[in-house]
Structure formats: C-alpha cells, structure tokens
C-alpha cells in the first residue's frame, strides 16, 4: 500500500487525535496564577485561557469524521480548513506561552477575587505559570497541521468513499431470481422491483 493510499487513514487519525487532545486540554489547567495577596493560587483551564480552544477542537473532530466519507473537492476544503485551524491555534498557544498572558487570566481572576479592571488584576497577579497542557496542545496542533498537509498531498489517490450514502441510480443486473434483500435495495434506489 502506497503513502497516497494510506493518506485517508493517516489524515482521519490525525484530525481525530488532534481534536481529542484539544478537547481534553480545554478542561485541564493551562495557567496557574500566583497571587500577591497570599491567597490560594488561581487555576485557569484551557477553555478560559484560550476561548476558541473547545469549539475549534470540536470542529476538528467533526472534520475528521466527515473526512472519512468526503468527496474529492470537499477533501481539499477540509485540508485547508484544518491547516488554517492548526496555524491559528498553534499561534494562539505560543502567544500564551511566550508572553505574560494577563488577558487570558483576567476573567478567571475577576471571577475568583471579584476585582475587575486591568490595574486591579495586575496588582493581584504576581506570576503566571504555564502547565504542561499548552505544550501538549501544541503537539496536537503540529499533528493537525501534518494531517492537513497529508490530505492536500494525497487526496487524489484515495479510493472513493461514502458509496453507501449515495443516491444516484446504479445499474444492477440480476442473473437469477431476486431475493428480499435485492428488492429492498432496488426500492432504496427508487426502482420498482416488481417490474
């Protein structure tokens, strides 16, 4: 089996794995806020740190499931969408890791302390420490980007998928008597088996 023939399974697996990593990481602690007032540290989950994390991860899971039965033109669209999503989420995650993400923790700090406004949040926050989950999510976005590249490189070599979902008329030739299953199949295609 060539790389092009394995492209569909590699791509679908990559999409589903990346989406699962995104969904799981959205529920885990991404950032820990150490407080200046000696209060208990504030834990910020991924869904709060990166607001689009959960919805885009769900979209990636849906793309992976749909990619398994997608037609040729749709494969390219899915590959481009997944690549754009991987780049956006990867860039957003890197921004959280490389800078002081006060904007990402502000809502959670306000919810816990009751203090609102940029100055008040800055006074409460001593330090923001990332957990391992943003790094794990980055691995997921790299997997998603690689899977989208596999789609764009191999989509022509995939076998036609989703034949059972097609509604076009197929010419069926019966050599012998028609059984009940064949009759139902012909009814499903819109033909009358009694003719």
C-alpha atoms as a PDB file:
ATOM      1  CA  UNK A   1       0.000   0.000   0.000  1.00  0.00           C
ATOM      2  CA  UNK A   2       1.457   3.358  -1.030  1.00  0.00           C
ATOM      3  CA  UNK A   3       1.587   6.550   1.014  1.00  0.00           C
ATOM      4  CA  UNK A   4      -1.158   8.074  -1.148  1.00  0.00           C
ATOM      5  CA  UNK A   5      -3.434   5.098  -0.494  1.00  0.00           C
ATOM      6  CA  UNK A   6      -2.845   5.385   3.255  1.00  0.00           C
ATOM      7  CA  UNK A   7      -3.467   9.140   3.140  1.00  0.00           C
ATOM      8  CA  UNK A   8      -7.116   8.899   4.159  1.00  0.00           C
ATOM      9  CA  UNK A   9      -6.499   6.792   7.285  1.00  0.00           C
ATOM     10  CA  UNK A  10      -3.479   8.888   8.305  1.00  0.00           C
ATOM     11  CA  UNK A  11      -5.411  12.129   7.835  1.00  0.00           C
ATOM     12  CA  UNK A  12      -8.566  11.000   9.622  1.00  0.00           C
ATOM     13  CA  UNK A  13      -6.495   9.618  12.508  1.00  0.00           C
ATOM     14  CA  UNK A  14      -4.508  12.854  12.746  1.00  0.00           C
ATOM     15  CA  UNK A  15      -7.642  15.014  12.745  1.00  0.00           C
ATOM     16  CA  UNK A  16      -9.331  12.882  15.408  1.00  0.00           C
ATOM     17  CA  UNK A  17      -6.218  12.724  17.600  1.00  0.00           C
ATOM     18  CA  UNK A  18      -5.643  16.489  17.416  1.00  0.00           C
ATOM     19  CA  UNK A  19      -9.300  17.217  18.134  1.00  0.00           C
ATOM     20  CA  UNK A  20      -9.284  14.867  21.119  1.00  0.00           C
ATOM     21  CA  UNK A  21      -6.127  16.475  22.506  1.00  0.00           C
ATOM     22  CA  UNK A  22      -7.751  19.892  22.116  1.00  0.00           C
ATOM     23  CA  UNK A  23     -10.981  18.860  23.870  1.00  0.00           C
ATOM     24  CA  UNK A  24      -9.175  17.146  26.735  1.00  0.00           C
ATOM     25  CA  UNK A  25      -6.737  20.022  27.210  1.00  0.00           C
ATOM     26  CA  UNK A  26      -9.582  22.563  27.254  1.00  0.00           C
ATOM     27  CA  UNK A  27     -10.773  21.064  30.547  1.00  0.00           C
ATOM     28  CA  UNK A  28      -7.315  20.942  32.150  1.00  0.00           C
ATOM     29  CA  UNK A  29      -5.357  23.673  33.932  1.00  0.00           C
ATOM     30  CA  UNK A  30      -3.247  25.647  31.474  1.00  0.00           C
ATOM     31  CA  UNK A  31      -2.126  28.522  33.675  1.00  0.00           C
ATOM     32  CA  UNK A  32      -1.595  28.903  37.414  1.00  0.00           C
ATOM     33  CA  UNK A  33      -1.837  32.452  38.762  1.00  0.00           C
ATOM     34  CA  UNK A  34       0.225  33.143  41.853  1.00  0.00           C
ATOM     35  CA  UNK A  35      -1.305  35.956  43.898  1.00  0.00           C
ATOM     36  CA  UNK A  36       0.312  38.956  45.563  1.00  0.00           C
ATOM     37  CA  UNK A  37      -2.228  38.890  48.416  1.00  0.00           C
ATOM     38  CA  UNK A  38      -1.002  35.442  49.582  1.00  0.00           C
ATOM     39  CA  UNK A  39      -4.328  33.918  48.578  1.00  0.00           C
ATOM     40  CA  UNK A  40      -4.708  30.477  47.097  1.00  0.00           C
ATOM     41  CA  UNK A  41      -3.342  30.138  43.555  1.00  0.00           C
ATOM     42  CA  UNK A  42      -5.908  30.566  40.784  1.00  0.00           C
ATOM     43  CA  UNK A  43      -6.113  27.735  38.238  1.00  0.00           C
ATOM     44  CA  UNK A  44      -7.092  28.775  34.713  1.00  0.00           C
ATOM     45  CA  UNK A  45      -8.404  25.978  32.460  1.00  0.00           C
ATOM     46  CA  UNK A  46      -7.598  25.855  28.754  1.00  0.00           C
ATOM     47  CA  UNK A  47     -11.133  26.858  27.741  1.00  0.00           C
ATOM     48  CA  UNK A  48     -10.761  30.093  29.744  1.00  0.00           C
ATOM     49  CA  UNK A  49      -7.182  30.795  28.698  1.00  0.00           C
ATOM     50  CA  UNK A  50      -7.967  30.290  25.007  1.00  0.00           C
ATOM     51  CA  UNK A  51     -11.678  30.884  24.407  1.00  0.00           C
ATOM     52  CA  UNK A  52     -11.833  29.256  20.947  1.00  0.00           C
ATOM     53  CA  UNK A  53      -9.995  26.116  22.053  1.00  0.00           C
ATOM     54  CA  UNK A  54     -13.027  23.912  22.766  1.00  0.00           C
ATOM     55  CA  UNK A  55     -15.207  24.969  19.791  1.00  0.00           C
ATOM     56  CA  UNK A  56     -12.374  24.662  17.280  1.00  0.00           C
ATOM     57  CA  UNK A  57     -11.333  21.300  18.733  1.00  0.00           C
ATOM     58  CA  UNK A  58     -14.904  20.061  18.301  1.00  0.00           C
ATOM     59  CA  UNK A  59     -14.856  21.355  14.724  1.00  0.00           C
ATOM     60  CA  UNK A  60     -11.627  19.419  14.082  1.00  0.00           C
ATOM     61  CA  UNK A  61     -13.271  16.236  15.407  1.00  0.00           C
ATOM     62  CA  UNK A  62     -16.228  16.817  13.079  1.00  0.00           C
ATOM     63  CA  UNK A  63     -13.888  17.433  10.127  1.00  0.00           C
ATOM     64  CA  UNK A  64     -12.096  14.172  10.897  1.00  0.00           C
ATOM     65  CA  UNK A  65     -15.334  12.204  10.983  1.00  0.00           C
ATOM     66  CA  UNK A  66     -16.616  13.823   7.773  1.00  0.00           C
ATOM     67  CA  UNK A  67     -13.274  13.408   6.013  1.00  0.00           C
ATOM     68  CA  UNK A  68     -13.730   9.644   6.105  1.00  0.00           C
ATOM     69  CA  UNK A  69     -16.625   9.874   3.601  1.00  0.00           C
ATOM     70  CA  UNK A  70     -15.830  13.179   1.860  1.00  0.00           C
ATOM     71  CA  UNK A  71     -15.730  13.554  -1.907  1.00  0.00           C
ATOM     72  CA  UNK A  72     -12.712  14.848  -3.812  1.00  0.00           C
ATOM     73  CA  UNK A  73     -13.461  18.588  -3.769  1.00  0.00           C
ATOM     74  CA  UNK A  74     -14.515  18.524  -0.127  1.00  0.00           C
ATOM     75  CA  UNK A  75     -11.263  16.809   0.887  1.00  0.00           C
ATOM     76  CA  UNK A  76      -9.269  19.811  -0.285  1.00  0.00           C
ATOM     77  CA  UNK A  77     -11.567  22.220   1.555  1.00  0.00           C
ATOM     78  CA  UNK A  78     -11.258  20.166   4.753  1.00  0.00           C
ATOM     79  CA  UNK A  79      -7.476  20.056   4.400  1.00  0.00           C
ATOM     80  CA  UNK A  80      -7.272  23.838   4.022  1.00  0.00           C
ATOM     81  CA  UNK A  81      -9.674  24.446   6.940  1.00  0.00           C
ATOM     82  CA  UNK A  82      -7.746  22.071   9.197  1.00  0.00           C
ATOM     83  CA  UNK A  83      -4.429  23.665   8.250  1.00  0.00           C
ATOM     84  CA  UNK A  84      -5.755  27.150   8.984  1.00  0.00           C
ATOM     85  CA  UNK A  85      -7.157  25.958  12.314  1.00  0.00           C
ATOM     86  CA  UNK A  86      -3.833  24.338  13.240  1.00  0.00           C
ATOM     87  CA  UNK A  87      -1.933  27.533  12.441  1.00  0.00           C
ATOM     88  CA  UNK A  88      -4.390  29.733  14.365  1.00  0.00           C
ATOM     89  CA  UNK A  89      -4.476  27.519  17.462  1.00  0.00           C
ATOM     90  CA  UNK A  90      -0.715  26.972  17.350  1.00  0.00           C
ATOM     91  CA  UNK A  91      -0.037  30.713  17.122  1.00  0.00           C
ATOM     92  CA  UNK A  92      -2.532  31.479  19.914  1.00  0.00           C
ATOM     93  CA  UNK A  93      -0.999  28.830  22.174  1.00  0.00           C
ATOM     94  CA  UNK A  94       2.505  30.134  21.511  1.00  0.00           C
ATOM     95  CA  UNK A  95       1.350  33.661  22.380  1.00  0.00           C
ATOM     96  CA  UNK A  96       0.185  32.374  25.770  1.00  0.00           C
ATOM     97  CA  UNK A  97       3.500  30.658  26.400  1.00  0.00           C
ATOM     98  CA  UNK A  98       5.853  33.383  25.173  1.00  0.00           C
ATOM     99  CA  UNK A  99       4.258  36.439  26.786  1.00  0.00           C
ATOM    100  CA  UNK A 100       2.626  37.334  30.102  1.00  0.00           C
ATOM    101  CA  UNK A 101      -0.977  36.347  29.311  1.00  0.00           C
ATOM    102  CA  UNK A 102      -2.824  38.785  31.571  1.00  0.00           C
ATOM    103  CA  UNK A 103      -5.713  38.912  29.114  1.00  0.00           C
ATOM    104  CA  UNK A 104      -6.064  35.126  29.275  1.00  0.00           C
ATOM    105  CA  UNK A 105      -6.315  35.053  33.075  1.00  0.00           C
ATOM    106  CA  UNK A 106      -8.176  38.313  33.706  1.00  0.00           C
ATOM    107  CA  UNK A 107     -11.695  36.845  33.545  1.00  0.00           C
ATOM    108  CA  UNK A 108     -10.840  33.972  35.890  1.00  0.00           C
ATOM    109  CA  UNK A 109      -9.019  36.281  38.327  1.00  0.00           C
ATOM    110  CA  UNK A 110     -12.034  38.622  38.335  1.00  0.00           C
ATOM    111  CA  UNK A 111     -14.391  35.684  38.928  1.00  0.00           C
ATOM    112  CA  UNK A 112     -12.348  34.393  41.874  1.00  0.00           C
ATOM    113  CA  UNK A 113     -11.360  37.684  43.526  1.00  0.00           C
ATOM    114  CA  UNK A 114     -14.194  39.970  42.497  1.00  0.00           C
ATOM    115  CA  UNK A 115     -11.686  42.565  41.315  1.00  0.00           C
ATOM    116  CA  UNK A 116     -12.252  43.982  37.837  1.00  0.00           C
ATOM    117  CA  UNK A 117     -10.134  46.150  35.573  1.00  0.00           C
ATOM    118  CA  UNK A 118      -6.649  45.788  34.204  1.00  0.00           C
ATOM    119  CA  UNK A 119      -4.882  47.602  37.043  1.00  0.00           C
ATOM    120  CA  UNK A 120      -6.620  45.578  39.748  1.00  0.00           C
ATOM    121  CA  UNK A 121      -5.749  42.301  38.026  1.00  0.00           C
ATOM    122  CA  UNK A 122      -2.109  43.379  37.619  1.00  0.00           C
ATOM    123  CA  UNK A 123      -1.929  44.181  41.344  1.00  0.00           C
ATOM    124  CA  UNK A 124      -3.260  40.758  42.351  1.00  0.00           C
ATOM    125  CA  UNK A 125      -1.126  38.716  39.929  1.00  0.00           C
ATOM    126  CA  UNK A 126       2.459  38.051  40.979  1.00  0.00           C
ATOM    127  CA  UNK A 127       3.309  35.443  38.380  1.00  0.00           C
ATOM    128  CA  UNK A 128       1.595  33.273  35.752  1.00  0.00           C
ATOM    129  CA  UNK A 129       2.997  29.758  35.423  1.00  0.00           C
ATOM    130  CA  UNK A 130       2.001  27.553  32.466  1.00  0.00           C
ATOM    131  CA  UNK A 131       1.374  23.849  32.998  1.00  0.00           C
ATOM    132  CA  UNK A 132       2.316  21.073  30.585  1.00  0.00           C
ATOM    133  CA  UNK A 133      -1.095  21.216  28.852  1.00  0.00           C
ATOM    134  CA  UNK A 134      -0.354  24.114  26.484  1.00  0.00           C
ATOM    135  CA  UNK A 135       2.703  22.197  25.292  1.00  0.00           C
ATOM    136  CA  UNK A 136       0.644  19.040  24.826  1.00  0.00           C
ATOM    137  CA  UNK A 137      -1.884  21.092  22.854  1.00  0.00           C
ATOM    138  CA  UNK A 138       0.950  22.410  20.669  1.00  0.00           C
ATOM    139  CA  UNK A 139       1.839  18.818  19.817  1.00  0.00           C
ATOM    140  CA  UNK A 140      -1.793  18.324  18.825  1.00  0.00           C
ATOM    141  CA  UNK A 141      -1.693  21.355  16.509  1.00  0.00           C
ATOM    142  CA  UNK A 142       1.500  20.068  14.881  1.00  0.00           C
ATOM    143  CA  UNK A 143      -0.238  16.709  14.314  1.00  0.00           C
ATOM    144  CA  UNK A 144      -3.250  18.535  12.837  1.00  0.00           C
ATOM    145  CA  UNK A 145      -1.046  20.588  10.509  1.00  0.00           C
ATOM    146  CA  UNK A 146       0.791  17.451   9.371  1.00  0.00           C
ATOM    147  CA  UNK A 147      -2.532  15.637   8.788  1.00  0.00           C
ATOM    148  CA  UNK A 148      -3.870  18.557   6.734  1.00  0.00           C
ATOM    149  CA  UNK A 149      -0.715  18.516   4.610  1.00  0.00           C
ATOM    150  CA  UNK A 150      -1.210  14.763   4.074  1.00  0.00           C
ATOM    151  CA  UNK A 151      -4.762  15.499   2.884  1.00  0.00           C
ATOM    152  CA  UNK A 152      -3.568  18.136   0.412  1.00  0.00           C
ATOM    153  CA  UNK A 153      -0.782  15.904  -0.919  1.00  0.00           C
ATOM    154  CA  UNK A 154      -2.641  12.583  -1.186  1.00  0.00           C
ATOM    155  CA  UNK A 155      -6.353  13.368  -1.770  1.00  0.00           C
ATOM    156  CA  UNK A 156      -6.275  12.288  -5.442  1.00  0.00           C
ATOM    157  CA  UNK A 157      -5.055   8.779  -4.561  1.00  0.00           C
ATOM    158  CA  UNK A 158      -7.862   7.978  -2.134  1.00  0.00           C
ATOM    159  CA  UNK A 159     -10.491   5.424  -3.015  1.00  0.00           C
ATOM    160  CA  UNK A 160     -13.976   6.816  -3.477  1.00  0.00           C
ATOM    161  CA  UNK A 161     -15.661   6.962  -0.116  1.00  0.00           C
ATOM    162  CA  UNK A 162     -19.204   7.090   1.060  1.00  0.00           C
ATOM    163  CA  UNK A 163     -20.706   4.898  -1.663  1.00  0.00           C
ATOM    164  CA  UNK A 164     -23.351   3.637   0.711  1.00  0.00           C
ATOM    165  CA  UNK A 165     -24.582   7.228   1.194  1.00  0.00           C
ATOM    166  CA  UNK A 166     -25.007   7.989  -2.489  1.00  0.00           C
ATOM    167  CA  UNK A 167     -28.456   8.323  -4.010  1.00  0.00           C
ATOM    168  CA  UNK A 168     -27.505   8.040  -7.679  1.00  0.00           C
ATOM    169  CA  UNK A 169     -29.008   5.241  -9.751  1.00  0.00           C
ATOM    170  CA  UNK A 170     -26.797   2.211 -10.107  1.00  0.00           C
ATOM    171  CA  UNK A 171     -27.418  -0.310 -12.812  1.00  0.00           C
ATOM    172  CA  UNK A 172     -27.946  -3.659 -11.147  1.00  0.00           C
ATOM    173  CA  UNK A 173     -28.035  -6.811 -13.223  1.00  0.00           C
ATOM    174  CA  UNK A 174     -29.646  -9.889 -11.709  1.00  0.00           C
ATOM    175  CA  UNK A 175     -28.816 -13.254 -13.242  1.00  0.00           C
ATOM    176  CA  UNK A 176     -31.350 -15.195 -11.234  1.00  0.00           C
ATOM    177  CA  UNK A 177     -34.358 -14.650  -9.054  1.00  0.00           C
ATOM    178  CA  UNK A 178     -34.484 -11.507  -6.932  1.00  0.00           C
ATOM    179  CA  UNK A 179     -34.470 -12.112  -3.177  1.00  0.00           C
ATOM    180  CA  UNK A 180     -35.913  -9.853  -0.458  1.00  0.00           C
ATOM    181  CA  UNK A 181     -32.640  -8.002   0.128  1.00  0.00           C
ATOM    182  CA  UNK A 182     -32.266  -7.172  -3.562  1.00  0.00           C
ATOM    183  CA  UNK A 183     -35.873  -5.962  -3.629  1.00  0.00           C
ATOM    184  CA  UNK A 184     -35.252  -3.623  -0.714  1.00  0.00           C
ATOM    185  CA  UNK A 185     -32.064  -2.347  -2.346  1.00  0.00           C
ATOM    186  CA  UNK A 186     -33.964  -1.579  -5.535  1.00  0.00           C
ATOM    187  CA  UNK A 187     -36.676   0.211  -3.550  1.00  0.00           C
ATOM    188  CA  UNK A 188     -33.971   2.248  -1.820  1.00  0.00           C
ATOM    189  CA  UNK A 189     -32.660   3.300  -5.216  1.00  0.00           C
ATOM    190  CA  UNK A 190     -36.144   4.320  -6.278  1.00  0.00           C
ATOM    191  CA  UNK A 191     -36.847   1.500  -8.714  1.00  0.00           C
ATOM    192  CA  UNK A 192     -39.799  -0.858  -8.634  1.00  0.00           C
ATOM    193  CA  UNK A 193     -38.588  -4.458  -8.173  1.00  0.00           C
ATOM    194  CA  UNK A 194     -41.906  -5.874  -9.421  1.00  0.00           C
ATOM    195  CA  UNK A 195     -41.308  -4.739 -12.994  1.00  0.00           C
END
